Amino acid sequence: MATFLPFVRAVGGLLAAGLLLSSCAGTPKAAPGSAPTSTEPGRAAGRTTEKIAVLGAGDVLVHPQVWQQADRDGGFAPMFAGVGAAVSGADLALCHLETPLAAAGGPYLGWPRFSTPPGVLDGIRAAGYDGCSTASNHSFDQGERGILRTIAAMDAAGLGHAGTAARQADAGRARFYDVHGVRVAHLAATATFNGIRPPDGKAWLAQRIDPAALLAQARQARQAGADLVVVSLHWGTEYRHQPDRAQLDWARRLSGGEIDLVLGHHAHVVQPVRRIGKTWFAFGLGNQLARHADPRPETREGLMVRVTFARQAGRWGVERVEALPTWVEITPRIRLVDLRTALTDGALSAERRREYQAALERVLGYAELP
């Protein structure tokens, strides 16, 4: 498990970074719950490894049926249990918390302006996630209070976060994680707020996609000692399996090597994973956990992408990119399914086996990965 570090601002000039990227498992993480530690800006806490696995997953979108299932289960952890081995097996695992959190006891709301039970963080943490991106089209669903409440709850849960800020001084700063002595910076931004205007003078509460700003922030993270930079982007066209024109344009502008990996969200369906220039893009990871009113197969499919980075001759590059397809089971209970693992279960019914195999093949096809 990674430990997350305080926000760090770079000092002095910007350092351009050009990383060599090529196309695994890392060192297993400790049990969830280890306390965050900090290191001095620009210095890792004693590098101990030359290879790490970073896992990114799709949208956590808590519809009413999801929190009602959690009520019946006594919490969210049972829903996430099916992906726990894969998540906790990564050296750094990042989710996407798409919606703001409510106060304990609610009221809880679904679409169009979500207000999510804070207990979802218990499930996220139990699965083994180290942090989440929080910039999305729903960031301002509950106004400034929703953003501040979400950040406070994540801090209390020991989860890192990127994309929203409680203070203007923290806006646009990377969240740093110490991963076995390797410093990984995480940034996040969104294409839209669903037409909701931020409070006057407080647009900094949630970051919009601005390629020039993201590149500057990535360079600042390098200046502050980042070995790797991961950016989560909430972008694209909903329910479309191919990147749209804006995604492709932004990807081209972000592909110079300042950023190592982009994790995409928002489409609610799986999109391709491709290398463009010097950067790997997982354009859309689909849904991790959701229960749409019309639960079509494509919105029940998700992708966890596991990217193994290795350091050779002083440079970090991508050694391996793996697809870990997932599925949201909705009957008799809402559960996350790691499809590859589930298909090894000899007790799986023939009907479920056909359903899971078909979903696995679709996800791999959309992702353009083996």
Protein backbone atom coordinates (compact mmCIF):
# COMPACT_ATOMS: atom_id res chain seq x y z
CA MET A 1 0.00 0.00 0.00
CA ALA A 2 1.17 3.49 -0.79
CA THR A 3 1.19 6.26 1.77
CA PHE A 4 -0.04 9.66 0.66
CA LEU A 5 1.89 12.81 1.34
CA PRO A 6 0.88 16.44 1.92
CA PHE A 7 0.33 18.64 -1.11
CA VAL A 8 3.69 19.91 -2.33
CA ARG A 9 4.29 23.09 -4.34
CA ALA A 10 7.36 23.18 -6.56
CA VAL A 11 9.81 26.06 -6.15
CA GLY A 12 12.01 27.70 -8.73
CA GLY A 13 11.77 27.11 -12.48
CA LEU A 14 9.81 24.39 -14.21
CA LEU A 15 11.65 21.23 -15.18
CA ALA A 16 10.63 19.63 -18.47
CA ALA A 17 10.61 15.86 -18.21
CA GLY A 18 10.82 13.51 -21.18
CA LEU A 19 10.34 9.92 -20.09
CA LEU A 20 11.00 6.85 -22.16
CA LEU A 21 7.81 4.77 -22.41
CA SER A 22 7.57 1.22 -23.65
CA SER A 23 4.81 -1.15 -23.48
CA CYS A 24 3.96 -7.71 -13.19
CA ALA A 25 2.76 -7.59 -10.47
CA GLY A 26 4.36 -5.24 -7.94
CA THR A 27 5.18 -5.71 -4.33
CA PRO A 28 1.96 -6.55 -2.43
CA LYS A 29 0.55 -3.73 -0.35
CA ALA A 30 0.22 -3.79 3.39
CA ALA A 31 -3.23 -4.13 4.89
CA PRO A 32 -5.41 -1.00 4.56
CA GLY A 33 -5.12 1.51 7.34
CA SER A 34 -1.45 2.51 7.43
CA ALA A 35 -1.06 6.16 8.35
CA PRO A 36 0.08 8.77 5.80
CA THR A 37 3.69 9.89 6.05
CA SER A 38 5.45 12.84 4.48
CA THR A 39 8.83 13.39 2.91
CA GLU A 40 10.68 16.58 2.09
CA PRO A 41 9.90 18.16 -1.28
CA GLY A 42 12.14 16.81 -3.98
CA ARG A 43 13.37 13.78 -2.06
CA ALA A 44 11.99 10.27 -1.84
CA ALA A 45 12.02 8.47 1.49
CA GLY A 46 14.81 6.09 0.50
CA ARG A 47 13.98 4.40 -2.80
CA THR A 48 13.63 0.67 -2.26
CA THR A 49 12.26 -0.60 -5.57
CA GLU A 50 12.76 -0.13 -9.30
CA LYS A 51 9.35 -1.45 -10.36
CA ILE A 52 5.82 -0.59 -9.26
CA ALA A 53 2.30 -1.49 -10.43
CA VAL A 54 -0.30 1.29 -10.57
CA LEU A 55 -3.98 0.35 -10.87
CA GLY A 56 -6.75 2.66 -12.02
CA ALA A 57 -10.46 1.86 -12.00
CA GLY A 58 -13.72 3.27 -13.32
CA ASP A 59 -16.45 5.46 -11.90
CA VAL A 60 -17.87 4.95 -8.43
CA LEU A 61 -21.38 6.28 -9.02
CA VAL A 62 -23.67 5.55 -6.10
CA HIS A 63 -27.23 5.33 -7.37
CA PRO A 64 -30.07 4.75 -4.87
CA GLN A 65 -30.11 0.99 -5.52
CA VAL A 66 -26.42 0.87 -4.54
CA TRP A 67 -26.85 2.54 -1.16
CA GLN A 68 -29.99 0.52 -0.51
CA GLN A 69 -27.91 -2.62 -1.07
CA ALA A 70 -25.32 -1.26 1.36
CA ASP A 71 -28.07 -0.77 3.94
CA ARG A 72 -29.06 -4.43 3.56
CA ASP A 73 -25.42 -5.55 3.73
CA GLY A 74 -24.49 -3.40 6.70
CA GLY A 75 -22.01 -1.40 4.62
CA PHE A 76 -20.36 -1.05 1.23
CA ALA A 77 -17.45 -3.44 1.79
CA PRO A 78 -19.30 -6.57 0.58
CA MET A 79 -19.96 -4.94 -2.79
CA PHE A 80 -16.27 -4.18 -3.31
CA ALA A 81 -14.99 -7.52 -1.99
CA GLY A 82 -14.89 -9.16 -5.41
CA VAL A 83 -12.18 -6.81 -6.67
CA GLY A 84 -10.26 -6.57 -3.41
CA ALA A 85 -7.51 -9.01 -4.37
CA ALA A 86 -6.66 -7.15 -7.58
CA VAL A 87 -6.89 -3.71 -5.98
CA SER A 88 -4.87 -4.53 -2.88
CA GLY A 89 -2.34 -6.41 -5.01
CA ALA A 90 -1.29 -3.20 -6.78
CA ASP A 91 1.38 -0.97 -5.30
CA LEU A 92 -0.81 2.09 -5.85
CA ALA A 93 -4.56 1.87 -6.53
CA LEU A 94 -6.61 4.89 -7.60
CA CYS A 95 -10.39 5.04 -7.94
CA HIS A 96 -12.71 7.75 -9.23
CA LEU A 97 -15.27 9.01 -6.72
CA GLU A 98 -17.64 10.77 -9.09
CA THR A 99 -20.13 12.21 -6.63
CA PRO A 100 -19.96 14.42 -3.53
CA LEU A 101 -20.60 12.93 -0.12
CA ALA A 102 -23.55 13.75 2.09
CA ALA A 103 -23.42 14.31 5.81
CA ALA A 104 -23.83 11.18 7.90
CA GLY A 105 -27.51 10.30 7.92
CA GLY A 106 -28.25 12.10 4.68
CA PRO A 107 -30.31 13.12 2.93
CA TYR A 108 -28.95 10.92 0.16
CA LEU A 109 -29.76 11.78 -3.44
CA GLY A 110 -29.27 10.19 -6.83
CA TRP A 111 -29.34 11.63 -10.33
CA PRO A 112 -29.29 14.44 -11.37
CA ARG A 113 -27.65 16.01 -8.30
CA PHE A 114 -26.01 13.28 -6.27
CA SER A 115 -25.39 13.30 -2.53
CA THR A 116 -23.72 10.04 -1.60
CA PRO A 117 -23.59 8.17 1.73
CA PRO A 118 -20.13 8.71 3.24
CA GLY A 119 -19.98 5.02 4.09
CA VAL A 120 -18.92 4.35 0.51
CA LEU A 121 -15.42 5.33 1.63
CA ASP A 122 -15.36 2.30 3.93
CA GLY A 123 -15.90 0.06 0.91
CA ILE A 124 -13.30 1.89 -1.16
CA ARG A 125 -10.77 1.65 1.65
CA ALA A 126 -11.57 -1.99 2.41
CA ALA A 127 -10.97 -2.91 -1.23
CA GLY A 128 -7.45 -1.51 -0.92
CA TYR A 129 -7.64 1.80 -2.76
CA ASP A 130 -5.10 4.41 -1.73
CA GLY A 131 -6.95 7.42 -3.12
CA CYS A 132 -9.42 8.70 -5.68
CA SER A 133 -9.86 11.49 -8.17
CA THR A 134 -12.81 13.74 -7.29
CA ALA A 135 -13.10 16.20 -10.21
CA SER A 136 -16.22 15.36 -12.21
CA ASN A 137 -19.34 16.75 -13.83
CA HIS A 138 -21.02 16.17 -10.45
CA SER A 139 -18.42 18.01 -8.34
CA PHE A 140 -20.76 20.94 -7.64
CA ASP A 141 -23.95 18.89 -7.26
CA GLN A 142 -24.06 19.91 -3.59
CA GLY A 143 -22.18 23.18 -3.99
CA GLU A 144 -19.12 24.20 -2.04
CA ARG A 145 -20.33 22.34 1.05
CA GLY A 146 -20.38 19.06 -0.85
CA ILE A 147 -16.79 19.48 -2.01
CA LEU A 148 -15.52 20.45 1.43
CA ARG A 149 -17.44 17.62 3.11
CA THR A 150 -16.03 15.08 0.64
CA ILE A 151 -12.46 16.23 1.15
CA ALA A 152 -12.82 16.18 4.94
CA ALA A 153 -14.30 12.68 4.87
CA MET A 154 -11.54 11.36 2.63
CA ASP A 155 -8.88 12.90 4.84
CA ALA A 156 -10.49 11.26 7.88
CA ALA A 157 -10.60 7.91 6.06
CA GLY A 158 -6.92 8.08 5.16
CA LEU A 159 -7.62 8.30 1.43
CA GLY A 160 -5.75 10.60 -0.91
CA HIS A 161 -7.70 12.81 -3.33
CA ALA A 162 -7.01 14.96 -6.38
CA GLY A 163 -9.05 17.33 -8.53
CA THR A 164 -10.90 19.30 -5.86
CA ALA A 165 -9.49 21.55 -3.16
CA ALA A 166 -10.57 22.86 0.23
CA ARG A 167 -8.19 25.84 0.04
CA GLN A 168 -7.19 27.99 -2.91
CA ALA A 169 -3.55 27.38 -1.99
CA ASP A 170 -4.05 23.66 -2.70
CA ALA A 171 -5.81 24.09 -6.07
CA GLY A 172 -3.84 22.56 -8.92
CA ARG A 173 -1.33 20.88 -6.63
CA ALA A 174 -0.54 17.24 -7.12
CA ARG A 175 -1.29 14.67 -4.46
CA PHE A 176 1.92 12.76 -3.78
CA TYR A 177 2.10 9.07 -2.84
CA ASP A 178 5.21 7.35 -1.54
CA VAL A 179 5.13 3.91 -3.18
CA HIS A 180 7.96 1.85 -1.71
CA GLY A 181 10.19 4.91 -1.98
CA VAL A 182 8.97 5.91 -5.45
CA ARG A 183 7.15 9.25 -5.55
CA VAL A 184 3.98 9.24 -7.65
CA ALA A 185 2.08 12.48 -8.25
CA HIS A 186 -1.67 12.44 -8.96
CA LEU A 187 -3.60 15.25 -10.66
CA ALA A 188 -7.22 15.36 -11.83
CA ALA A 189 -9.58 17.57 -13.83
CA THR A 190 -12.99 17.50 -15.49
CA ALA A 191 -14.39 18.74 -18.78
CA THR A 192 -17.71 19.95 -17.37
CA PHE A 193 -19.78 20.69 -14.27
CA ASN A 194 -23.12 19.96 -15.95
CA GLY A 195 -23.80 23.65 -16.35
CA ILE A 196 -23.48 24.39 -12.63
CA ARG A 197 -21.51 27.57 -11.98
CA PRO A 198 -18.92 27.46 -9.19
CA PRO A 199 -19.45 29.98 -6.38
CA ASP A 200 -18.24 33.47 -7.31
CA GLY A 201 -14.49 33.70 -6.96
CA LYS A 202 -14.16 30.01 -6.12
CA ALA A 203 -13.70 28.28 -9.45
CA TRP A 204 -10.56 26.80 -7.88
CA LEU A 205 -12.69 24.39 -5.80
CA ALA A 206 -12.66 21.90 -8.70
CA GLN A 207 -10.26 21.81 -11.62
CA ARG A 208 -11.41 22.08 -15.24
CA ILE A 209 -9.41 20.46 -18.04
CA ASP A 210 -6.84 22.92 -19.35
CA PRO A 211 -3.95 21.10 -21.05
CA ALA A 212 -1.49 23.97 -20.56
CA ALA A 213 -2.29 24.15 -16.84
CA LEU A 214 -2.06 20.37 -16.42
CA LEU A 215 1.32 20.28 -18.14
CA ALA A 216 2.58 23.08 -15.90
CA GLN A 217 1.31 21.21 -12.83
CA ALA A 218 3.00 18.02 -14.02
CA ARG A 219 6.28 19.89 -14.45
CA GLN A 220 5.89 21.39 -10.99
CA ALA A 221 5.35 17.88 -9.62
CA ARG A 222 8.59 16.76 -11.30
CA GLN A 223 10.36 19.76 -9.79
CA ALA A 224 9.04 18.67 -6.39
CA GLY A 225 10.51 15.20 -6.82
CA ALA A 226 7.87 13.14 -8.62
CA ASP A 227 9.23 10.04 -10.34
CA LEU A 228 5.89 9.40 -12.09
CA VAL A 229 2.85 11.56 -12.86
CA VAL A 230 -0.67 10.13 -13.19
CA VAL A 231 -3.59 12.32 -14.30
CA SER A 232 -7.29 11.41 -14.00
CA LEU A 233 -9.56 13.13 -16.54
CA HIS A 234 -13.36 13.19 -16.45
CA TRP A 235 -14.06 13.60 -20.16
CA GLY A 236 -15.61 12.14 -23.28
CA THR A 237 -19.13 11.40 -24.49
CA GLU A 238 -21.38 9.27 -22.31
CA TYR A 239 -22.11 5.75 -23.58
CA ARG A 240 -19.72 6.09 -26.52
CA HIS A 241 -16.98 3.47 -26.75
CA GLN A 242 -14.61 5.57 -28.86
CA PRO A 243 -12.82 8.76 -27.75
CA ASP A 244 -14.46 11.91 -29.07
CA ARG A 245 -12.72 14.76 -30.86
CA ALA A 246 -12.04 16.72 -27.68
CA GLN A 247 -10.48 13.69 -25.96
CA LEU A 248 -8.19 13.05 -28.91
CA ASP A 249 -7.17 16.71 -29.11
CA TRP A 250 -6.43 16.90 -25.39
CA ALA A 251 -4.55 13.59 -25.55
CA ARG A 252 -2.34 14.90 -28.34
CA ARG A 253 -1.53 18.00 -26.30
CA LEU A 254 -0.76 15.96 -23.16
CA SER A 255 1.39 13.31 -24.83
CA GLY A 256 4.83 14.90 -24.60
CA GLY A 257 6.07 12.90 -21.62
CA GLU A 258 5.38 15.27 -18.74
CA ILE A 259 2.56 12.88 -17.82
CA ASP A 260 3.10 9.13 -17.69
CA LEU A 261 -0.46 7.81 -17.46
CA VAL A 262 -3.94 9.25 -18.00
CA LEU A 263 -6.95 7.51 -16.42
CA GLY A 264 -10.23 8.44 -18.12
CA HIS A 265 -13.75 8.54 -16.70
CA HIS A 266 -17.29 9.79 -17.42
CA ALA A 267 -18.40 7.75 -20.45
CA HIS A 268 -19.77 4.94 -18.20
CA VAL A 269 -18.59 2.47 -20.85
CA VAL A 270 -15.14 1.11 -21.61
CA GLN A 271 -12.97 2.95 -24.14
CA PRO A 272 -9.55 2.09 -25.65
CA VAL A 273 -6.22 2.01 -23.85
CA ARG A 274 -3.55 3.43 -26.15
CA ARG A 275 -0.09 4.91 -26.15
CA ILE A 276 0.01 8.32 -27.81
CA GLY A 277 3.40 9.96 -28.06
CA LYS A 278 5.16 9.31 -24.76
CA THR A 279 2.03 8.87 -22.63
CA TRP A 280 -0.39 6.00 -22.02
CA PHE A 281 -4.10 6.86 -22.10
CA ALA A 282 -6.88 4.72 -20.67
CA PHE A 283 -9.54 6.83 -22.36
CA GLY A 284 -12.48 5.41 -20.42
CA LEU A 285 -12.54 2.81 -17.65
CA GLY A 286 -16.32 2.42 -17.60
CA ASN A 287 -18.15 1.97 -14.32
CA GLN A 288 -16.53 0.41 -11.29
CA LEU A 289 -19.71 0.51 -9.20
CA ALA A 290 -23.04 1.86 -10.46
CA ARG A 291 -26.62 0.82 -10.97
CA HIS A 292 -28.21 2.87 -13.75
CA ALA A 293 -32.00 3.00 -14.08
CA ASP A 294 -31.57 1.06 -17.32
CA PRO A 295 -28.74 -1.35 -16.43
CA ARG A 296 -27.57 -2.22 -19.93
CA PRO A 297 -24.64 -4.63 -20.19
CA GLU A 298 -22.23 -1.90 -21.30
CA THR A 299 -22.90 0.17 -18.15
CA ARG A 300 -22.31 -2.88 -15.96
CA GLU A 301 -18.90 -3.43 -17.55
CA GLY A 302 -15.74 -1.83 -16.24
CA LEU A 303 -12.01 -1.98 -16.61
CA MET A 304 -9.28 -1.89 -14.03
CA VAL A 305 -6.03 -1.14 -15.83
CA ARG A 306 -2.79 -2.22 -14.16
CA VAL A 307 0.30 -0.47 -15.46
CA THR A 308 3.70 -1.72 -14.37
CA PHE A 309 6.42 0.93 -14.42
CA ALA A 310 10.10 -0.03 -14.35
CA ARG A 311 13.24 2.08 -14.01
CA GLN A 312 16.10 1.31 -16.37
CA ALA A 313 19.23 3.39 -16.97
CA GLY A 314 17.81 6.10 -14.73
CA ARG A 315 14.54 6.45 -16.63
CA TRP A 316 11.05 5.24 -15.78
CA GLY A 317 9.03 3.56 -18.49
CA VAL A 318 6.00 1.34 -18.91
CA GLU A 319 6.93 -2.33 -18.84
CA ARG A 320 3.46 -3.83 -19.03
CA VAL A 321 -0.19 -2.79 -19.41
CA GLU A 322 -2.83 -5.27 -18.21
CA ALA A 323 -6.60 -5.27 -18.53
CA LEU A 324 -8.64 -6.53 -15.57
CA PRO A 325 -12.29 -6.52 -16.74
CA THR A 326 -15.04 -6.13 -14.15
CA TRP A 327 -18.80 -6.58 -14.04
CA VAL A 328 -21.52 -5.23 -11.75
CA GLU A 329 -23.73 -8.13 -10.71
CA ILE A 330 -27.21 -6.84 -9.85
CA THR A 331 -29.09 -10.01 -8.85
CA PRO A 332 -29.63 -11.31 -6.28
CA ARG A 333 -27.31 -8.70 -4.74
CA ILE A 334 -25.24 -5.87 -6.19
CA ARG A 335 -21.66 -7.10 -6.25
CA LEU A 336 -18.47 -6.24 -8.13
CA VAL A 337 -17.05 -9.16 -10.09
CA ASP A 338 -13.45 -9.57 -11.23
CA LEU A 339 -14.31 -11.44 -14.41
CA ARG A 340 -11.02 -13.27 -14.94
CA THR A 341 -11.07 -14.57 -11.37
CA ALA A 342 -14.77 -15.45 -11.41
CA LEU A 343 -14.36 -17.54 -14.56
CA THR A 344 -11.90 -19.82 -12.74
CA ASP A 345 -14.64 -20.82 -10.26
CA GLY A 346 -15.68 -24.37 -11.03
CA ALA A 347 -18.96 -23.86 -9.19
CA LEU A 348 -20.08 -21.04 -11.49
CA SER A 349 -23.38 -21.83 -13.21
CA ALA A 350 -23.39 -22.33 -16.97
CA GLU A 351 -25.61 -19.27 -17.42
CA ARG A 352 -23.32 -17.03 -15.36
CA ARG A 353 -20.26 -18.44 -17.12
CA ARG A 354 -21.69 -17.49 -20.52
CA GLU A 355 -22.65 -14.03 -19.25
CA TYR A 356 -19.24 -13.38 -17.70
CA GLN A 357 -17.29 -14.73 -20.68
CA ALA A 358 -19.25 -12.53 -23.08
CA ALA A 359 -18.67 -9.47 -20.88
CA LEU A 360 -14.95 -10.25 -20.61
CA GLU A 361 -14.58 -10.48 -24.37
CA ARG A 362 -16.51 -7.26 -24.95
CA VAL A 363 -14.41 -5.31 -22.44
CA LEU A 364 -11.13 -6.56 -23.91
CA GLY A 365 -12.37 -5.62 -27.37
CA TYR A 366 -13.34 -2.10 -26.32
CA ALA A 367 -10.05 -1.67 -24.45
CA GLU A 368 -8.01 -2.96 -27.40
CA LEU A 369 -5.94 -5.02 -24.97
CA PRO A 370 -5.38 -8.80 -24.72
